[in-house]
Amino acid sequence: MKNGAGAFIQAYNAQAVVDDAHQIITAADVTTNPAAALNHTGMLDQSAANTGIHARQALLDAG
């Protein structure tokens, strides 16, 4: 990833999907993608595969 000075550094981006009612992590991943937006669909699919239930609603950040 690029840092604030424009140099490339070794960095990671971590995401987690959490059940809001029980506060249980249903999916997690670490990537080198600088923006989490590239991973939303995959994370929701992973959560559905792990739990057998598709989310009816998701809260995502702007990044």
PDB file of N, CA and C in Angstrom:
ATOM      1  N   MET A   1       0.849  -1.179   0.000  1.00  0.00           N
ATOM      2  CA  MET A   1       0.000   0.000   0.000  1.00  0.00           C
ATOM      3  C   MET A   1       0.889   1.233   0.000  1.00  0.00           C
ATOM      4  N   LYS A   2       0.319   2.342  -0.481  1.00  0.00           N
ATOM      5  CA  LYS A   2       1.035   3.613  -0.430  1.00  0.00           C
ATOM      6  C   LYS A   2       0.773   4.279   0.914  1.00  0.00           C
ATOM      7  N   ASN A   3       1.821   4.896   1.461  1.00  0.00           N
ATOM      8  CA  ASN A   3       1.641   5.656   2.690  1.00  0.00           C
ATOM      9  C   ASN A   3       1.373   7.119   2.341  1.00  0.00           C
ATOM     10  N   GLY A   4       1.286   7.978   3.315  1.00  0.00           N
ATOM     11  CA  GLY A   4       0.985   9.391   3.096  1.00  0.00           C
ATOM     12  C   GLY A   4       2.026  10.115   2.260  1.00  0.00           C
ATOM     13  N   ALA A   5       3.270   9.637   2.268  1.00  0.00           N
ATOM     14  CA  ALA A   5       4.345  10.257   1.490  1.00  0.00           C
ATOM     15  C   ALA A   5       4.416   9.697   0.068  1.00  0.00           C
ATOM     16  N   GLY A   6       3.543   8.747  -0.274  1.00  0.00           N
ATOM     17  CA  GLY A   6       3.532   8.174  -1.608  1.00  0.00           C
ATOM     18  C   GLY A   6       4.440   6.977  -1.794  1.00  0.00           C
ATOM     19  N   ALA A   7       5.140   6.570  -0.735  1.00  0.00           N
ATOM     20  CA  ALA A   7       6.013   5.399  -0.805  1.00  0.00           C
ATOM     21  C   ALA A   7       5.198   4.138  -0.543  1.00  0.00           C
ATOM     22  N   PHE A   8       5.602   3.042  -1.150  1.00  0.00           N
ATOM     23  CA  PHE A   8       4.924   1.768  -0.912  1.00  0.00           C
ATOM     24  C   PHE A   8       5.475   1.117   0.352  1.00  0.00           C
ATOM     25  N   ILE A   9       4.581   0.650   1.208  1.00  0.00           N
ATOM     26  CA  ILE A   9       4.962  -0.024   2.454  1.00  0.00           C
ATOM     27  C   ILE A   9       4.197  -1.337   2.551  1.00  0.00           C
ATOM     28  N   GLN A  10       4.710  -2.249   3.372  1.00  0.00           N
ATOM     29  CA  GLN A  10       3.991  -3.495   3.622  1.00  0.00           C
ATOM     30  C   GLN A  10       2.901  -3.187   4.642  1.00  0.00           C
ATOM     31  N   ALA A  11       1.656  -3.304   4.209  1.00  0.00           N
ATOM     32  CA  ALA A  11       0.528  -2.981   5.075  1.00  0.00           C
ATOM     33  C   ALA A  11      -0.632  -3.914   4.758  1.00  0.00           C
ATOM     34  N   TYR A  12      -1.547  -4.029   5.683  1.00  0.00           N
ATOM     35  CA  TYR A  12      -2.673  -4.943   5.535  1.00  0.00           C
ATOM     36  C   TYR A  12      -3.960  -4.247   5.923  1.00  0.00           C
ATOM     37  N   ASN A  13      -5.068  -4.770   5.439  1.00  0.00           N
ATOM     38  CA  ASN A  13      -6.389  -4.256   5.736  1.00  0.00           C
ATOM     39  C   ASN A  13      -7.206  -5.442   6.259  1.00  0.00           C
ATOM     40  N   ALA A  14      -7.720  -5.316   7.460  1.00  0.00           N
ATOM     41  CA  ALA A  14      -8.486  -6.410   8.072  1.00  0.00           C
ATOM     42  C   ALA A  14      -9.966  -6.054   8.124  1.00  0.00           C
ATOM     43  N   GLN A  15     -10.804  -7.046   7.842  1.00  0.00           N
ATOM     44  CA  GLN A  15     -12.246  -6.867   7.919  1.00  0.00           C
ATOM     45  C   GLN A  15     -12.842  -7.987   8.767  1.00  0.00           C
ATOM     46  N   ALA A  16     -13.975  -7.667   9.379  1.00  0.00           N
ATOM     47  CA  ALA A  16     -14.712  -8.676  10.138  1.00  0.00           C
ATOM     48  C   ALA A  16     -16.205  -8.442   9.950  1.00  0.00           C
ATOM     49  N   VAL A  17     -16.958  -9.518   9.911  1.00  0.00           N
ATOM     50  CA  VAL A  17     -18.423  -9.452   9.897  1.00  0.00           C
ATOM     51  C   VAL A  17     -18.871  -9.965  11.262  1.00  0.00           C
ATOM     52  N   VAL A  18     -19.710  -9.177  11.936  1.00  0.00           N
ATOM     53  CA  VAL A  18     -20.119  -9.501  13.300  1.00  0.00           C
ATOM     54  C   VAL A  18     -21.643  -9.539  13.380  1.00  0.00           C
ATOM     55  N   ASP A  19     -22.159 -10.560  14.031  1.00  0.00           N
ATOM     56  CA  ASP A  19     -23.597 -10.662  14.303  1.00  0.00           C
ATOM     57  C   ASP A  19     -23.934  -9.603  15.349  1.00  0.00           C
ATOM     58  N   ASP A  20     -24.850  -8.678  15.026  1.00  0.00           N
ATOM     59  CA  ASP A  20     -25.144  -7.574  15.943  1.00  0.00           C
ATOM     60  C   ASP A  20     -25.872  -8.014  17.206  1.00  0.00           C
ATOM     61  N   ALA A  21     -26.641  -9.068  17.131  1.00  0.00           N
ATOM     62  CA  ALA A  21     -27.403  -9.509  18.303  1.00  0.00           C
ATOM     63  C   ALA A  21     -26.546 -10.247  19.324  1.00  0.00           C
ATOM     64  N   HIS A  22     -25.562 -11.008  18.845  1.00  0.00           N
ATOM     65  CA  HIS A  22     -24.776 -11.850  19.747  1.00  0.00           C
ATOM     66  C   HIS A  22     -23.305 -11.470  19.831  1.00  0.00           C
ATOM     67  N   GLN A  23     -22.879 -10.485  19.024  1.00  0.00           N
ATOM     68  CA  GLN A  23     -21.489 -10.013  19.000  1.00  0.00           C
ATOM     69  C   GLN A  23     -20.505 -11.152  18.719  1.00  0.00           C
ATOM     70  N   ILE A  24     -20.841 -11.991  17.734  1.00  0.00           N
ATOM     71  CA  ILE A  24     -20.007 -13.113  17.314  1.00  0.00           C
ATOM     72  C   ILE A  24     -19.468 -12.812  15.927  1.00  0.00           C
ATOM     73  N   ILE A  25     -18.174 -13.009  15.720  1.00  0.00           N
ATOM     74  CA  ILE A  25     -17.568 -12.824  14.411  1.00  0.00           C
ATOM     75  C   ILE A  25     -17.979 -13.997  13.526  1.00  0.00           C
ATOM     76  N   THR A  26     -18.614 -13.690  12.402  1.00  0.00           N
ATOM     77  CA  THR A  26     -19.072 -14.738  11.495  1.00  0.00           C
ATOM     78  C   THR A  26     -18.186 -14.871  10.263  1.00  0.00           C
ATOM     79  N   ALA A  27     -17.316 -13.892  10.001  1.00  0.00           N
ATOM     80  CA  ALA A  27     -16.362 -13.957   8.896  1.00  0.00           C
ATOM     81  C   ALA A  27     -15.237 -12.981   9.182  1.00  0.00           C
ATOM     82  N   ALA A  28     -14.032 -13.306   8.723  1.00  0.00           N
ATOM     83  CA  ALA A  28     -12.881 -12.425   8.905  1.00  0.00           C
ATOM     84  C   ALA A  28     -11.899 -12.652   7.762  1.00  0.00           C
ATOM     85  N   ASP A  29     -11.169 -11.588   7.404  1.00  0.00           N
ATOM     86  CA  ASP A  29     -10.188 -11.691   6.334  1.00  0.00           C
ATOM     87  C   ASP A  29      -9.163 -10.575   6.478  1.00  0.00           C
ATOM     88  N   VAL A  30      -7.971 -10.814   5.979  1.00  0.00           N
ATOM     89  CA  VAL A  30      -6.908  -9.818   5.924  1.00  0.00           C
ATOM     90  C   VAL A  30      -6.413  -9.772   4.489  1.00  0.00           C
ATOM     91  N   THR A  31      -6.363  -8.567   3.914  1.00  0.00           N
ATOM     92  CA  THR A  31      -5.928  -8.404   2.528  1.00  0.00           C
ATOM     93  C   THR A  31      -4.905  -7.282   2.420  1.00  0.00           C
ATOM     94  N   THR A  32      -4.354  -7.132   1.232  1.00  0.00           N
ATOM     95  CA  THR A  32      -3.470  -6.003   0.950  1.00  0.00           C
ATOM     96  C   THR A  32      -4.202  -4.922   0.163  1.00  0.00           C
ATOM     97  N   ASN A  33      -5.515  -5.063  -0.016  1.00  0.00           N
ATOM     98  CA  ASN A  33      -6.298  -4.029  -0.698  1.00  0.00           C
ATOM     99  C   ASN A  33      -6.396  -2.799   0.201  1.00  0.00           C
ATOM    100  N   PRO A  34      -6.056  -1.615  -0.319  1.00  0.00           N
ATOM    101  CA  PRO A  34      -6.123  -0.421   0.529  1.00  0.00           C
ATOM    102  C   PRO A  34      -7.544  -0.018   0.902  1.00  0.00           C
ATOM    103  N   ALA A  35      -8.532  -0.394   0.100  1.00  0.00           N
ATOM    104  CA  ALA A  35      -9.921  -0.020   0.386  1.00  0.00           C
ATOM    105  C   ALA A  35     -10.731  -1.259   0.749  1.00  0.00           C
ATOM    106  N   ALA A  36     -11.452  -1.180   1.837  1.00  0.00           N
ATOM    107  CA  ALA A  36     -12.280  -2.300   2.279  1.00  0.00           C
ATOM    108  C   ALA A  36     -13.456  -2.540   1.346  1.00  0.00           C
ATOM    109  N   ALA A  37     -13.849  -1.524   0.580  1.00  0.00           N
ATOM    110  CA  ALA A  37     -15.007  -1.640  -0.306  1.00  0.00           C
ATOM    111  C   ALA A  37     -14.859  -2.778  -1.313  1.00  0.00           C
ATOM    112  N   LEU A  38     -13.635  -3.143  -1.652  1.00  0.00           N
ATOM    113  CA  LEU A  38     -13.413  -4.227  -2.605  1.00  0.00           C
ATOM    114  C   LEU A  38     -13.754  -5.597  -2.024  1.00  0.00           C
ATOM    115  N   ASN A  39     -13.960  -5.681  -0.715  1.00  0.00           N
ATOM    116  CA  ASN A  39     -14.152  -6.959  -0.048  1.00  0.00           C
ATOM    117  C   ASN A  39     -15.562  -7.178   0.503  1.00  0.00           C
ATOM    118  N   HIS A  40     -16.455  -6.206   0.385  1.00  0.00           N
ATOM    119  CA  HIS A  40     -17.772  -6.323   1.030  1.00  0.00           C
ATOM    120  C   HIS A  40     -18.555  -7.544   0.571  1.00  0.00           C
ATOM    121  N   THR A  41     -18.668  -7.752  -0.721  1.00  0.00           N
ATOM    122  CA  THR A  41     -19.454  -8.869  -1.230  1.00  0.00           C
ATOM    123  C   THR A  41     -18.866 -10.205  -0.788  1.00  0.00           C
ATOM    124  N   GLY A  42     -17.555 -10.340  -0.904  1.00  0.00           N
ATOM    125  CA  GLY A  42     -16.896 -11.576  -0.493  1.00  0.00           C
ATOM    126  C   GLY A  42     -17.056 -11.867   0.987  1.00  0.00           C
ATOM    127  N   MET A  43     -16.994 -10.826   1.810  1.00  0.00           N
ATOM    128  CA  MET A  43     -17.148 -11.018   3.251  1.00  0.00           C
ATOM    129  C   MET A  43     -18.571 -11.449   3.601  1.00  0.00           C
ATOM    130  N   LEU A  44     -19.564 -10.855   2.945  1.00  0.00           N
ATOM    131  CA  LEU A  44     -20.949 -11.257   3.204  1.00  0.00           C
ATOM    132  C   LEU A  44     -21.206 -12.679   2.728  1.00  0.00           C
ATOM    133  N   ASP A  45     -20.597 -13.050   1.596  1.00  0.00           N
ATOM    134  CA  ASP A  45     -20.717 -14.434   1.114  1.00  0.00           C
ATOM    135  C   ASP A  45     -20.058 -15.412   2.078  1.00  0.00           C
ATOM    136  N   GLN A  46     -18.884 -15.043   2.613  1.00  0.00           N
ATOM    137  CA  GLN A  46     -18.184 -15.902   3.569  1.00  0.00           C
ATOM    138  C   GLN A  46     -19.015 -16.064   4.847  1.00  0.00           C
ATOM    139  N   SER A  47     -19.629 -14.991   5.304  1.00  0.00           N
ATOM    140  CA  SER A  47     -20.476 -15.060   6.493  1.00  0.00           C
ATOM    141  C   SER A  47     -21.665 -15.985   6.258  1.00  0.00           C
ATOM    142  N   ALA A  48     -22.283 -15.877   5.087  1.00  0.00           N
ATOM    143  CA  ALA A  48     -23.423 -16.746   4.761  1.00  0.00           C
ATOM    144  C   ALA A  48     -22.996 -18.204   4.683  1.00  0.00           C
ATOM    145  N   ALA A  49     -21.813 -18.463   4.119  1.00  0.00           N
ATOM    146  CA  ALA A  49     -21.315 -19.845   4.044  1.00  0.00           C
ATOM    147  C   ALA A  49     -21.024 -20.403   5.434  1.00  0.00           C
ATOM    148  N   ASN A  50     -20.516 -19.555   6.332  1.00  0.00           N
ATOM    149  CA  ASN A  50     -20.172 -20.008   7.681  1.00  0.00           C
ATOM    150  C   ASN A  50     -21.390 -20.226   8.569  1.00  0.00           C
ATOM    151  N   THR A  51     -22.454 -19.457   8.340  1.00  0.00           N
ATOM    152  CA  THR A  51     -23.619 -19.532   9.225  1.00  0.00           C
ATOM    153  C   THR A  51     -24.838 -20.200   8.586  1.00  0.00           C
ATOM    154  N   GLY A  52     -24.866 -20.261   7.254  1.00  0.00           N
ATOM    155  CA  GLY A  52     -26.029 -20.801   6.569  1.00  0.00           C
ATOM    156  C   GLY A  52     -27.163 -19.805   6.440  1.00  0.00           C
ATOM    157  N   ILE A  53     -26.922 -18.554   6.802  1.00  0.00           N
ATOM    158  CA  ILE A  53     -27.947 -17.508   6.764  1.00  0.00           C
ATOM    159  C   ILE A  53     -27.378 -16.287   6.039  1.00  0.00           C
ATOM    160  N   HIS A  54     -28.140 -15.760   5.076  1.00  0.00           N
ATOM    161  CA  HIS A  54     -27.736 -14.530   4.396  1.00  0.00           C
ATOM    162  C   HIS A  54     -28.204 -13.330   5.211  1.00  0.00           C
ATOM    163  N   ALA A  55     -27.341 -12.352   5.324  1.00  0.00           N
ATOM    164  CA  ALA A  55     -27.685 -11.131   6.069  1.00  0.00           C
ATOM    165  C   ALA A  55     -28.816 -10.392   5.376  1.00  0.00           C
ATOM    166  N   ARG A  56     -29.776  -9.907   6.150  1.00  0.00           N
ATOM    167  CA  ARG A  56     -30.865  -9.104   5.598  1.00  0.00           C
ATOM    168  C   ARG A  56     -30.458  -7.643   5.528  1.00  0.00           C
ATOM    169  N   GLN A  57     -29.449  -7.272   6.333  1.00  0.00           N
ATOM    170  CA  GLN A  57     -29.025  -5.885   6.417  1.00  0.00           C
ATOM    171  C   GLN A  57     -27.548  -5.850   6.771  1.00  0.00           C
ATOM    172  N   ALA A  58     -26.823  -4.846   6.257  1.00  0.00           N
ATOM    173  CA  ALA A  58     -25.392  -4.706   6.570  1.00  0.00           C
ATOM    174  C   ALA A  58     -25.070  -3.240   6.807  1.00  0.00           C
ATOM    175  N   LEU A  59     -24.185  -2.968   7.737  1.00  0.00           N
ATOM    176  CA  LEU A  59     -23.705  -1.625   8.027  1.00  0.00           C
ATOM    177  C   LEU A  59     -22.234  -1.588   7.611  1.00  0.00           C
ATOM    178  N   LEU A  60     -21.900  -0.729   6.659  1.00  0.00           N
ATOM    179  CA  LEU A  60     -20.550  -0.650   6.111  1.00  0.00           C
ATOM    180  C   LEU A  60     -20.007   0.760   6.282  1.00  0.00           C
ATOM    181  N   ASP A  61     -18.682   0.885   6.371  1.00  0.00           N
ATOM    182  CA  ASP A  61     -18.107   2.218   6.433  1.00  0.00           C
ATOM    183  C   ASP A  61     -17.871   2.763   5.022  1.00  0.00           C
ATOM    184  N   ALA A  62     -17.514   4.022   4.904  1.00  0.00           N
ATOM    185  CA  ALA A  62     -17.340   4.663   3.609  1.00  0.00           C
ATOM    186  C   ALA A  62     -16.012   4.292   2.939  1.00  0.00           C
ATOM    187  N   GLY A  63     -15.103   3.672   3.670  1.00  0.00           N
ATOM    188  CA  GLY A  63     -13.779   3.357   3.120  1.00  0.00           C
ATOM    189  C   GLY A  63     -13.798   2.095   2.380  1.00  0.00           C
TER     190      GLY A  63
END
